[in-house]
N, C-alpha and C. Protein backbone atom coordinates (compact mmCIF):
# COMPACT_ATOMS: atom_id res chain seq x y z
N MET A 1 50.61 37.25 -121.02
CA MET A 1 49.57 37.28 -120.03
C MET A 1 49.58 38.64 -119.34
N ARG A 2 48.46 39.32 -119.33
CA ARG A 2 48.35 40.61 -118.72
C ARG A 2 48.27 40.50 -117.16
N LYS A 3 48.80 41.49 -116.55
CA LYS A 3 48.81 41.42 -115.09
C LYS A 3 48.05 42.72 -114.58
N GLY A 4 47.56 42.61 -113.36
CA GLY A 4 46.81 43.65 -112.77
C GLY A 4 47.53 44.95 -112.35
N PRO A 5 46.78 45.89 -111.96
CA PRO A 5 47.29 47.19 -111.49
C PRO A 5 48.36 47.06 -110.37
N ARG A 6 48.21 46.08 -109.46
CA ARG A 6 49.17 45.96 -108.43
C ARG A 6 50.51 45.63 -108.99
N HIS A 7 50.57 44.84 -110.00
CA HIS A 7 51.79 44.45 -110.63
C HIS A 7 52.46 45.60 -111.28
N VAL A 8 51.66 46.44 -111.98
CA VAL A 8 52.21 47.65 -112.60
C VAL A 8 52.70 48.62 -111.54
N ARG A 9 51.95 48.78 -110.50
CA ARG A 9 52.37 49.63 -109.36
C ARG A 9 53.65 49.28 -108.81
N LYS A 10 53.76 47.98 -108.53
CA LYS A 10 54.97 47.41 -107.95
C LYS A 10 56.26 47.75 -108.87
N ALA A 11 56.00 47.46 -110.18
CA ALA A 11 56.98 47.61 -111.15
C ALA A 11 57.50 49.05 -111.20
N ILE A 12 56.63 50.01 -111.11
CA ILE A 12 56.91 51.43 -111.12
C ILE A 12 57.80 51.79 -109.93
N VAL A 13 57.33 51.37 -108.69
CA VAL A 13 58.04 51.63 -107.55
C VAL A 13 59.46 51.06 -107.55
N GLU A 14 59.45 49.81 -107.95
CA GLU A 14 60.78 49.19 -108.01
C GLU A 14 61.75 49.88 -109.02
N GLU A 15 61.28 50.33 -110.09
CA GLU A 15 62.11 51.03 -111.03
C GLU A 15 62.53 52.36 -110.53
N LEU A 16 61.64 53.08 -109.90
CA LEU A 16 62.02 54.40 -109.20
C LEU A 16 63.10 54.11 -108.11
N ARG A 17 62.97 53.10 -107.37
CA ARG A 17 64.02 52.72 -106.32
C ARG A 17 65.29 52.37 -106.99
N ARG A 18 65.29 51.63 -108.09
CA ARG A 18 66.44 51.25 -108.72
C ARG A 18 67.17 52.50 -109.31
N GLN A 19 66.46 53.47 -109.83
CA GLN A 19 67.04 54.71 -110.32
C GLN A 19 67.62 55.49 -109.17
N ALA A 20 66.94 55.50 -108.02
CA ALA A 20 67.40 56.22 -106.84
C ALA A 20 68.72 55.61 -106.29
N GLU A 21 68.94 54.30 -106.42
CA GLU A 21 70.01 53.60 -105.89
C GLU A 21 71.25 53.68 -106.89
N ASN A 22 70.98 54.08 -108.12
CA ASN A 22 72.08 54.14 -109.11
C ASN A 22 73.06 55.25 -108.74
N GLY A 23 74.37 55.00 -109.03
CA GLY A 23 75.37 55.95 -108.68
C GLY A 23 75.13 57.42 -109.10
N GLY A 24 75.31 58.32 -108.16
CA GLY A 24 75.17 59.75 -108.55
C GLY A 24 73.79 60.24 -108.51
N SER A 25 72.77 59.46 -108.32
CA SER A 25 71.38 59.93 -108.40
C SER A 25 71.03 60.67 -107.13
N LYS A 26 70.39 61.74 -107.32
CA LYS A 26 69.88 62.53 -106.18
C LYS A 26 68.42 62.31 -105.92
N LEU A 27 67.89 61.26 -106.65
CA LEU A 27 66.48 60.89 -106.63
C LEU A 27 66.22 60.21 -105.23
N ARG A 28 65.15 60.64 -104.61
CA ARG A 28 64.56 60.05 -103.39
C ARG A 28 63.12 59.61 -103.61
N VAL A 29 62.89 58.37 -103.15
CA VAL A 29 61.55 57.79 -103.38
C VAL A 29 61.06 57.29 -102.07
N GLU A 30 59.85 57.67 -101.76
CA GLU A 30 59.14 57.15 -100.49
C GLU A 30 57.79 56.60 -101.00
N ALA A 31 57.56 55.34 -100.74
CA ALA A 31 56.26 54.74 -101.21
C ALA A 31 55.52 54.08 -100.08
N SER A 32 54.24 54.21 -100.17
CA SER A 32 53.28 53.52 -99.22
C SER A 32 52.46 52.66 -100.07
N GLU A 33 51.44 52.09 -99.46
CA GLU A 33 50.49 51.17 -100.28
C GLU A 33 49.87 51.86 -101.45
N ASP A 34 49.50 53.12 -101.28
CA ASP A 34 48.75 53.74 -102.43
C ASP A 34 49.34 55.14 -102.88
N LYS A 35 50.49 55.48 -102.39
CA LYS A 35 51.05 56.79 -102.70
C LYS A 35 52.57 56.63 -102.86
N VAL A 36 53.14 57.54 -103.71
CA VAL A 36 54.62 57.60 -103.92
C VAL A 36 54.99 59.07 -103.84
N THR A 37 56.07 59.42 -103.18
CA THR A 37 56.63 60.76 -103.16
C THR A 37 58.03 60.66 -103.87
N ILE A 38 58.17 61.41 -104.91
CA ILE A 38 59.38 61.42 -105.64
C ILE A 38 60.02 62.75 -105.66
N ASN A 39 61.22 62.83 -105.25
CA ASN A 39 62.03 64.02 -105.20
C ASN A 39 63.34 63.89 -106.01
N GLY A 40 63.41 64.53 -107.16
CA GLY A 40 64.54 64.44 -108.01
C GLY A 40 64.27 64.07 -109.45
N SER A 41 65.19 63.90 -110.32
CA SER A 41 64.93 63.54 -111.68
C SER A 41 64.76 62.05 -111.87
N VAL A 42 63.91 61.76 -112.83
CA VAL A 42 63.58 60.34 -113.21
C VAL A 42 63.86 60.13 -114.65
N ASN A 43 64.51 59.06 -115.03
CA ASN A 43 64.72 58.71 -116.38
C ASN A 43 63.44 58.13 -116.88
N LEU A 44 62.66 58.98 -117.64
CA LEU A 44 61.35 58.69 -118.04
C LEU A 44 61.30 57.55 -119.07
N ASP A 45 62.33 57.47 -119.88
CA ASP A 45 62.35 56.36 -120.91
C ASP A 45 62.53 54.96 -120.13
N ASP A 46 63.40 54.92 -119.19
CA ASP A 46 63.53 53.66 -118.42
C ASP A 46 62.17 53.26 -117.68
N LEU A 47 61.56 54.32 -117.13
CA LEU A 47 60.28 54.04 -116.40
C LEU A 47 59.18 53.58 -117.37
N VAL A 48 59.11 54.21 -118.55
CA VAL A 48 58.03 53.85 -119.54
C VAL A 48 58.31 52.40 -119.99
N MET A 49 59.58 52.03 -120.20
CA MET A 49 59.85 50.63 -120.67
C MET A 49 59.43 49.63 -119.58
N VAL A 50 59.66 49.92 -118.34
CA VAL A 50 59.24 49.05 -117.25
C VAL A 50 57.73 48.91 -117.26
N VAL A 51 57.04 50.01 -117.42
CA VAL A 51 55.55 49.96 -117.37
C VAL A 51 55.08 49.17 -118.62
N MET A 52 55.62 49.39 -119.71
CA MET A 52 55.14 48.63 -120.93
C MET A 52 55.40 47.21 -120.77
N ASP A 53 56.61 46.82 -120.28
CA ASP A 53 56.98 45.36 -120.07
C ASP A 53 55.99 44.79 -119.06
N SER A 54 55.67 45.49 -118.03
CA SER A 54 54.80 45.07 -116.99
C SER A 54 53.37 44.82 -117.48
N VAL A 55 52.86 45.69 -118.28
CA VAL A 55 51.56 45.51 -118.84
C VAL A 55 51.51 44.47 -119.89
N ALA A 56 52.61 44.23 -120.65
CA ALA A 56 52.64 43.25 -121.66
C ALA A 56 52.90 41.77 -121.09
N GLY A 57 53.24 41.80 -119.80
CA GLY A 57 53.48 40.50 -119.13
C GLY A 57 54.89 40.08 -119.08
N GLY A 58 55.85 41.10 -119.30
CA GLY A 58 57.23 40.78 -119.28
C GLY A 58 57.77 40.55 -117.80
N PRO A 59 59.06 40.37 -117.69
CA PRO A 59 59.56 40.05 -116.36
C PRO A 59 59.36 41.19 -115.34
């Protein structure tokens, strides 16, 4: 089942926050309803997987 843009947006922000909370990360994430500010390095492979799962209807 495909989910809408809000679901994808939420998944992206949650993944960025997860990465920011991981040990040793200097990543900082600030998100509002329609914008996100990211300072630091992001693991792009992990982020892409979350987006793909979200679009495909994964958890």
